[in-house]
Structure formats: C-alpha cells, structure tokens
Amino acid sequence: MKKGLVDFGATDAAVDDAQLKEMPPIVQLPESAGPVCITYNLPELKTPLKLSGATLAGIYLGKIKTWQDPAIKKDNPGVSLPNHNVVVAHRSDGSGTSNIFTSYLAKTSPEWDKQVGKGISVSWPVGI
C-alpha cells in the first residue's frame, strides 16, 4: 500500500494518522470483523472457563501461574480447577490478531497498558 502498488489490501490493524501521511491517498473502511479466542487444554474440566480481562492480563503478564489461582477461581465460582501450571503461548510474529488481543488487554488492564502496550508486535513478558 505504501508504494501505491496494490488496489486492495487487508489487515486487522488500522493504519494510524502518522502512517497515512507517508502513503498515497488511501481509503480505510472496515469490511469484516473476526474474533480472537483464547484456548486452553484442560480435558478434566466439565464447564468452560470464564476469564475476565484482568485475569487474562495477569496470565499474559506472568503473574497468574496456576489454574488454581484466586483470580481464576473468582471468575469461575464452584468450578473444580485442576492443579496444573498455566503454560502461556502467543504468536511470535507481528500480526493483526496480536494487535486486537493486546489492544483488548491494554483497555482492560492499566498494568498491561503501561508495561507492554498494544500493537502488531509486542515484547511478551512470558510464554512460548
């Protein structure tokens, strides 16, 4: 897009005002929406987990280390949680999906916003 060589481009991250100044005239419009899902592998659970934004931020900041953490228990009252460590996985390459997820964490957690921020590529505090 920057060199004006395409008629159509797509991404999950909007071009900001500073980037727009470096490009030929373009039009940005939302043409689709896609969810970002957090998955886990806990086959012994009988009920799907609920994870608040604050809890997700705690997991991805490396503060929540086990599935029996009080924050996860608070989000899931009455659920028998397994005694396993949380293993965090994230994308290693820059992506619109990372931008969507980190933007959500930044909005729901001031600590995430301050320490990590948002974008297509961030310095993940923990994980593989």
N, C-alpha and C. Protein backbone atom coordinates (compact mmCIF):
# COMPACT_ATOMS: atom_id res chain seq x y z
N MET A 1 0.81 -1.19 0.00
CA MET A 1 0.00 0.00 0.00
C MET A 1 0.86 1.26 0.00
N LYS A 2 1.94 1.20 0.72
CA LYS A 2 2.75 2.40 0.89
C LYS A 2 3.28 2.94 -0.43
N LYS A 3 3.57 2.05 -1.36
CA LYS A 3 4.11 2.47 -2.66
C LYS A 3 3.02 2.63 -3.72
N GLY A 4 1.77 2.39 -3.34
CA GLY A 4 0.67 2.53 -4.30
C GLY A 4 0.63 1.44 -5.34
N LEU A 5 1.12 0.25 -5.01
CA LEU A 5 1.21 -0.84 -5.98
C LEU A 5 0.05 -1.82 -5.91
N VAL A 6 -0.87 -1.65 -4.96
CA VAL A 6 -2.00 -2.57 -4.84
C VAL A 6 -3.31 -1.80 -4.91
N ASP A 7 -4.33 -2.46 -5.40
CA ASP A 7 -5.65 -1.86 -5.43
C ASP A 7 -6.44 -2.17 -4.17
N PHE A 8 -6.05 -3.24 -3.47
CA PHE A 8 -6.77 -3.64 -2.28
C PHE A 8 -5.80 -4.31 -1.33
N GLY A 9 -5.87 -3.96 -0.07
CA GLY A 9 -5.05 -4.60 0.96
C GLY A 9 -5.91 -4.85 2.17
N ALA A 10 -5.48 -5.75 3.04
CA ALA A 10 -6.27 -6.04 4.23
C ALA A 10 -5.34 -6.32 5.40
N THR A 11 -5.82 -5.99 6.57
CA THR A 11 -5.11 -6.26 7.81
C THR A 11 -6.10 -6.16 8.95
N ASP A 12 -5.70 -6.62 10.13
CA ASP A 12 -6.53 -6.47 11.32
C ASP A 12 -6.13 -5.24 12.13
N ALA A 13 -5.19 -4.47 11.63
CA ALA A 13 -4.73 -3.28 12.34
C ALA A 13 -4.90 -2.07 11.42
N ALA A 14 -5.62 -1.08 11.90
CA ALA A 14 -5.84 0.12 11.08
C ALA A 14 -4.54 0.90 10.94
N VAL A 15 -4.42 1.62 9.85
CA VAL A 15 -3.28 2.50 9.61
C VAL A 15 -3.54 3.78 10.40
N ASP A 16 -2.56 4.21 11.22
CA ASP A 16 -2.78 5.41 12.02
C ASP A 16 -2.45 6.67 11.21
N ASP A 17 -2.72 7.83 11.78
CA ASP A 17 -2.55 9.11 11.07
C ASP A 17 -1.11 9.32 10.61
N ALA A 18 -0.15 8.96 11.45
CA ALA A 18 1.26 9.14 11.07
C ALA A 18 1.61 8.27 9.86
N GLN A 19 1.13 7.04 9.84
CA GLN A 19 1.39 6.16 8.71
C GLN A 19 0.69 6.65 7.45
N LEU A 20 -0.52 7.19 7.61
CA LEU A 20 -1.27 7.70 6.46
C LEU A 20 -0.53 8.83 5.75
N LYS A 21 0.19 9.65 6.52
CA LYS A 21 0.93 10.77 5.93
C LYS A 21 2.04 10.31 4.99
N GLU A 22 2.53 9.08 5.20
CA GLU A 22 3.62 8.54 4.39
C GLU A 22 3.12 7.80 3.14
N MET A 23 1.81 7.76 2.93
CA MET A 23 1.25 6.95 1.85
C MET A 23 0.51 7.82 0.85
N PRO A 24 0.35 7.26 -0.36
CA PRO A 24 -0.53 7.95 -1.31
C PRO A 24 -1.95 7.93 -0.74
N PRO A 25 -2.83 8.76 -1.26
CA PRO A 25 -4.20 8.76 -0.72
C PRO A 25 -4.82 7.36 -0.72
N ILE A 26 -5.29 6.94 0.43
CA ILE A 26 -5.98 5.66 0.56
C ILE A 26 -7.26 5.87 1.36
N VAL A 27 -8.15 4.91 1.24
CA VAL A 27 -9.38 4.93 2.00
C VAL A 27 -9.38 3.69 2.89
N GLN A 28 -9.62 3.90 4.18
CA GLN A 28 -9.73 2.78 5.11
C GLN A 28 -11.20 2.59 5.45
N LEU A 29 -11.66 1.37 5.35
CA LEU A 29 -13.01 1.09 5.78
C LEU A 29 -13.06 -0.31 6.35
N PRO A 30 -13.82 -0.47 7.42
CA PRO A 30 -13.96 -1.82 7.99
C PRO A 30 -14.80 -2.67 7.06
N GLU A 31 -14.27 -3.83 6.69
CA GLU A 31 -15.02 -4.70 5.78
C GLU A 31 -15.35 -6.04 6.40
N SER A 32 -14.77 -6.32 7.54
CA SER A 32 -15.10 -7.57 8.22
C SER A 32 -14.65 -7.46 9.66
N ALA A 33 -15.12 -8.39 10.45
CA ALA A 33 -14.72 -8.47 11.85
C ALA A 33 -14.47 -9.93 12.18
N GLY A 34 -13.48 -10.18 12.98
CA GLY A 34 -13.17 -11.55 13.36
C GLY A 34 -12.83 -11.62 14.84
N PRO A 35 -13.24 -12.68 15.49
CA PRO A 35 -12.96 -12.81 16.92
C PRO A 35 -11.53 -13.30 17.16
N VAL A 36 -11.03 -12.99 18.33
CA VAL A 36 -9.78 -13.56 18.82
C VAL A 36 -10.16 -14.42 20.02
N CYS A 37 -9.81 -15.68 19.98
CA CYS A 37 -10.21 -16.62 21.03
C CYS A 37 -9.00 -17.09 21.82
N ILE A 38 -9.19 -17.22 23.10
CA ILE A 38 -8.18 -17.79 23.98
C ILE A 38 -8.55 -19.25 24.18
N THR A 39 -7.61 -20.13 23.94
CA THR A 39 -7.87 -21.56 24.10
C THR A 39 -7.03 -22.13 25.24
N TYR A 40 -7.47 -23.21 25.78
CA TYR A 40 -6.74 -23.92 26.83
C TYR A 40 -7.01 -25.40 26.67
N ASN A 41 -6.12 -26.21 27.22
CA ASN A 41 -6.25 -27.66 27.12
C ASN A 41 -6.33 -28.23 28.53
N LEU A 42 -7.54 -28.30 29.03
CA LEU A 42 -7.79 -28.86 30.35
C LEU A 42 -8.95 -29.86 30.23
N PRO A 43 -8.65 -31.07 29.71
CA PRO A 43 -9.72 -32.03 29.40
C PRO A 43 -10.55 -32.45 30.62
N GLU A 44 -10.01 -32.31 31.83
CA GLU A 44 -10.76 -32.73 33.01
C GLU A 44 -11.86 -31.74 33.40
N LEU A 45 -11.87 -30.56 32.81
CA LEU A 45 -12.93 -29.60 33.11
C LEU A 45 -14.24 -30.03 32.47
N LYS A 46 -15.32 -29.88 33.20
CA LYS A 46 -16.65 -30.20 32.69
C LYS A 46 -17.40 -28.95 32.26
N THR A 47 -16.90 -27.77 32.66
CA THR A 47 -17.54 -26.49 32.38
C THR A 47 -16.52 -25.58 31.70
N PRO A 48 -16.92 -24.87 30.64
CA PRO A 48 -15.98 -23.92 30.02
C PRO A 48 -15.60 -22.81 31.01
N LEU A 49 -14.35 -22.42 30.98
CA LEU A 49 -13.87 -21.36 31.88
C LEU A 49 -14.32 -19.99 31.41
N LYS A 50 -14.51 -19.11 32.37
CA LYS A 50 -14.70 -17.69 32.11
C LYS A 50 -13.44 -17.00 32.61
N LEU A 51 -12.87 -16.13 31.78
CA LEU A 51 -11.64 -15.42 32.15
C LEU A 51 -11.85 -13.94 31.88
N SER A 52 -11.84 -13.13 32.94
CA SER A 52 -12.02 -11.69 32.78
C SER A 52 -10.79 -11.08 32.12
N GLY A 53 -10.94 -9.85 31.65
CA GLY A 53 -9.81 -9.15 31.06
C GLY A 53 -8.66 -9.01 32.04
N ALA A 54 -8.97 -8.72 33.29
CA ALA A 54 -7.92 -8.59 34.32
C ALA A 54 -7.20 -9.92 34.53
N THR A 55 -7.96 -11.01 34.51
CA THR A 55 -7.35 -12.33 34.69
C THR A 55 -6.47 -12.68 33.49
N LEU A 56 -6.97 -12.43 32.28
CA LEU A 56 -6.15 -12.68 31.09
C LEU A 56 -4.86 -11.87 31.13
N ALA A 57 -4.96 -10.61 31.51
CA ALA A 57 -3.76 -9.78 31.61
C ALA A 57 -2.80 -10.38 32.64
N GLY A 58 -3.32 -10.85 33.77
CA GLY A 58 -2.48 -11.48 34.79
C GLY A 58 -1.77 -12.72 34.27
N ILE A 59 -2.49 -13.50 33.45
CA ILE A 59 -1.89 -14.69 32.85
C ILE A 59 -0.76 -14.29 31.91
N TYR A 60 -1.03 -13.35 30.99
CA TYR A 60 -0.04 -12.96 29.99
C TYR A 60 1.06 -12.06 30.54
N LEU A 61 0.86 -11.50 31.75
CA LEU A 61 1.95 -10.78 32.43
C LEU A 61 2.83 -11.74 33.24
N GLY A 62 2.38 -12.99 33.38
CA GLY A 62 3.14 -13.98 34.14
C GLY A 62 2.86 -13.94 35.62
N LYS A 63 1.84 -13.24 36.05
CA LYS A 63 1.51 -13.15 37.47
C LYS A 63 0.63 -14.32 37.91
N ILE A 64 -0.20 -14.82 37.01
CA ILE A 64 -1.04 -15.98 37.31
C ILE A 64 -0.34 -17.19 36.73
N LYS A 65 0.08 -18.09 37.61
CA LYS A 65 0.94 -19.19 37.19
C LYS A 65 0.27 -20.56 37.24
N THR A 66 -0.86 -20.68 37.96
CA THR A 66 -1.55 -21.96 38.03
C THR A 66 -3.04 -21.76 37.78
N TRP A 67 -3.71 -22.85 37.39
CA TRP A 67 -5.15 -22.78 37.12
C TRP A 67 -5.95 -22.66 38.40
N GLN A 68 -5.31 -22.83 39.54
CA GLN A 68 -6.00 -22.67 40.83
C GLN A 68 -5.75 -21.29 41.44
N ASP A 69 -5.26 -20.37 40.66
CA ASP A 69 -5.03 -19.00 41.14
C ASP A 69 -6.35 -18.38 41.61
N PRO A 70 -6.31 -17.57 42.67
CA PRO A 70 -7.54 -16.94 43.18
C PRO A 70 -8.31 -16.13 42.12
N ALA A 71 -7.63 -15.50 41.19
CA ALA A 71 -8.33 -14.72 40.16
C ALA A 71 -9.16 -15.63 39.25
N ILE A 72 -8.61 -16.79 38.90
CA ILE A 72 -9.36 -17.73 38.06
C ILE A 72 -10.52 -18.32 38.86
N LYS A 73 -10.28 -18.61 40.14
CA LYS A 73 -11.36 -19.11 41.00
C LYS A 73 -12.49 -18.09 41.12
N LYS A 74 -12.13 -16.82 41.23
CA LYS A 74 -13.13 -15.76 41.34
C LYS A 74 -13.99 -15.67 40.07
N ASP A 75 -13.35 -15.82 38.91
CA ASP A 75 -14.07 -15.79 37.64
C ASP A 75 -14.95 -17.02 37.42
N ASN A 76 -14.67 -18.11 38.16
CA ASN A 76 -15.34 -19.40 37.94
C ASN A 76 -15.79 -20.02 39.25
N PRO A 77 -16.69 -19.37 39.98
CA PRO A 77 -17.11 -19.91 41.28
C PRO A 77 -17.74 -21.30 41.14
N GLY A 78 -17.33 -22.17 42.05
CA GLY A 78 -17.89 -23.52 42.06
C GLY A 78 -17.26 -24.50 41.09
N VAL A 79 -16.35 -24.03 40.24
CA VAL A 79 -15.70 -24.92 39.29
C VAL A 79 -14.48 -25.55 39.94
N SER A 80 -14.35 -26.86 39.82
CA SER A 80 -13.19 -27.58 40.35
C SER A 80 -12.05 -27.42 39.35
N LEU A 81 -11.09 -26.57 39.70
CA LEU A 81 -9.99 -26.26 38.80
C LEU A 81 -8.82 -27.22 39.01
N PRO A 82 -8.18 -27.64 37.94
CA PRO A 82 -7.06 -28.58 38.06
C PRO A 82 -5.83 -27.91 38.66
N ASN A 83 -5.00 -28.72 39.26
CA ASN A 83 -3.75 -28.23 39.85
C ASN A 83 -2.63 -28.36 38.82
N HIS A 84 -2.69 -27.53 37.79
CA HIS A 84 -1.68 -27.52 36.73
C HIS A 84 -1.12 -26.11 36.59
N ASN A 85 0.11 -26.05 36.11
CA ASN A 85 0.67 -24.75 35.76
C ASN A 85 0.02 -24.23 34.48
N VAL A 86 -0.09 -22.92 34.38
CA VAL A 86 -0.56 -22.28 33.15
C VAL A 86 0.66 -22.15 32.23
N VAL A 87 0.56 -22.65 31.02
CA VAL A 87 1.62 -22.50 30.03
C VAL A 87 1.11 -21.51 28.99
N VAL A 88 1.75 -20.37 28.93
CA VAL A 88 1.31 -19.29 28.03
C VAL A 88 1.93 -19.48 26.66
N ALA A 89 1.09 -19.37 25.63
CA ALA A 89 1.57 -19.40 24.25
C ALA A 89 1.05 -18.15 23.55
N HIS A 90 1.84 -17.61 22.66
CA HIS A 90 1.45 -16.42 21.90
C HIS A 90 2.14 -16.46 20.55
N ARG A 91 1.68 -15.62 19.64
CA ARG A 91 2.32 -15.52 18.33
C ARG A 91 3.68 -14.86 18.49
N SER A 92 4.63 -15.32 17.71
CA SER A 92 5.96 -14.72 17.76
C SER A 92 6.15 -13.68 16.66
N ASP A 93 5.34 -13.76 15.62
CA ASP A 93 5.45 -12.80 14.52
C ASP A 93 4.43 -11.68 14.72
N GLY A 94 4.65 -10.56 14.07
CA GLY A 94 3.71 -9.47 14.13
C GLY A 94 2.44 -9.84 13.38
N SER A 95 1.29 -9.45 13.94
CA SER A 95 0.03 -9.80 13.27
C SER A 95 -1.08 -8.88 13.73
N GLY A 96 -2.09 -8.77 12.89
CA GLY A 96 -3.28 -8.04 13.27
C GLY A 96 -3.98 -8.68 14.46
N THR A 97 -3.92 -10.00 14.55
CA THR A 97 -4.52 -10.70 15.68
C THR A 97 -3.85 -10.28 16.98
N SER A 98 -2.53 -10.18 16.97
CA SER A 98 -1.83 -9.70 18.17
C SER A 98 -2.25 -8.27 18.51
N ASN A 99 -2.45 -7.45 17.49
CA ASN A 99 -2.90 -6.08 17.71
C ASN A 99 -4.28 -6.07 18.39
N ILE A 100 -5.20 -6.89 17.90
CA ILE A 100 -6.53 -6.95 18.50
C ILE A 100 -6.44 -7.40 19.96
N PHE A 101 -5.70 -8.47 20.22
CA PHE A 101 -5.62 -9.02 21.57
C PHE A 101 -4.91 -8.06 22.53
N THR A 102 -3.78 -7.50 22.11
CA THR A 102 -3.05 -6.60 23.00
C THR A 102 -3.82 -5.29 23.22
N SER A 103 -4.59 -4.85 22.23
CA SER A 103 -5.44 -3.66 22.42
C SER A 103 -6.50 -3.94 23.48
N TYR A 104 -7.08 -5.15 23.45
CA TYR A 104 -8.05 -5.53 24.47
C TYR A 104 -7.40 -5.55 25.85
N LEU A 105 -6.24 -6.19 25.97
CA LEU A 105 -5.56 -6.25 27.27
C LEU A 105 -5.21 -4.84 27.77
N ALA A 106 -4.79 -3.97 26.87
CA ALA A 106 -4.44 -2.60 27.26
C ALA A 106 -5.67 -1.84 27.76
N LYS A 107 -6.83 -2.13 27.20
CA LYS A 107 -8.06 -1.45 27.64
C LYS A 107 -8.57 -2.00 28.97
N THR A 108 -8.33 -3.27 29.24
CA THR A 108 -8.87 -3.88 30.46
C THR A 108 -7.89 -3.91 31.61
N SER A 109 -6.61 -3.62 31.33
CA SER A 109 -5.60 -3.68 32.38
C SER A 109 -4.62 -2.51 32.26
N PRO A 110 -4.71 -1.54 33.17
CA PRO A 110 -3.73 -0.45 33.15
C PRO A 110 -2.29 -0.94 33.27
N GLU A 111 -2.10 -2.02 34.05
CA GLU A 111 -0.75 -2.57 34.21
C GLU A 111 -0.22 -3.10 32.87
N TRP A 112 -1.05 -3.81 32.12
CA TRP A 112 -0.64 -4.31 30.80
C TRP A 112 -0.32 -3.13 29.89
N ASP A 113 -1.21 -2.14 29.89
CA ASP A 113 -1.03 -0.97 29.03
C ASP A 113 0.31 -0.29 29.32
N LYS A 114 0.65 -0.15 30.58
CA LYS A 114 1.89 0.53 30.96
C LYS A 114 3.13 -0.32 30.68
N GLN A 115 3.05 -1.61 30.98
CA GLN A 115 4.23 -2.48 30.86
C GLN A 115 4.47 -3.01 29.45
N VAL A 116 3.40 -3.30 28.73
CA VAL A 116 3.53 -3.98 27.44
C VAL A 116 2.98 -3.13 26.29
N GLY A 117 1.78 -2.60 26.48
CA GLY A 117 1.15 -1.80 25.45
C GLY A 117 0.41 -2.65 24.43
N LYS A 118 0.23 -2.07 23.25
CA LYS A 118 -0.54 -2.75 22.22
C LYS A 118 0.16 -2.57 20.88
N GLY A 119 -0.14 -3.45 19.95
CA GLY A 119 0.42 -3.33 18.62
C GLY A 119 0.48 -4.67 17.91
N ILE A 120 0.92 -4.63 16.66
CA ILE A 120 1.01 -5.88 15.91
C ILE A 120 2.16 -6.74 16.40
N SER A 121 3.12 -6.13 17.10
CA SER A 121 4.24 -6.86 17.67
C SER A 121 4.58 -6.22 19.02
N VAL A 122 4.58 -7.00 20.07
CA VAL A 122 4.93 -6.51 21.41
C VAL A 122 5.98 -7.41 22.02
N SER A 123 6.57 -6.94 23.08
CA SER A 123 7.53 -7.76 23.84
C SER A 123 6.75 -8.51 24.91
N TRP A 124 6.38 -9.76 24.60
CA TRP A 124 5.57 -10.55 25.52
C TRP A 124 6.35 -10.82 26.80
N PRO A 125 5.80 -10.56 27.97
CA PRO A 125 6.53 -10.78 29.23
C PRO A 125 6.84 -12.25 29.52
N VAL A 126 5.92 -13.15 29.11
CA VAL A 126 6.11 -14.59 29.36
C VAL A 126 5.59 -15.36 28.17
N GLY A 127 5.93 -16.63 28.13
CA GLY A 127 5.32 -17.53 27.17
C GLY A 127 6.25 -18.03 26.08
N ILE A 128 5.68 -18.93 25.32
CA ILE A 128 6.39 -19.54 24.21
C ILE A 128 5.67 -19.24 22.92
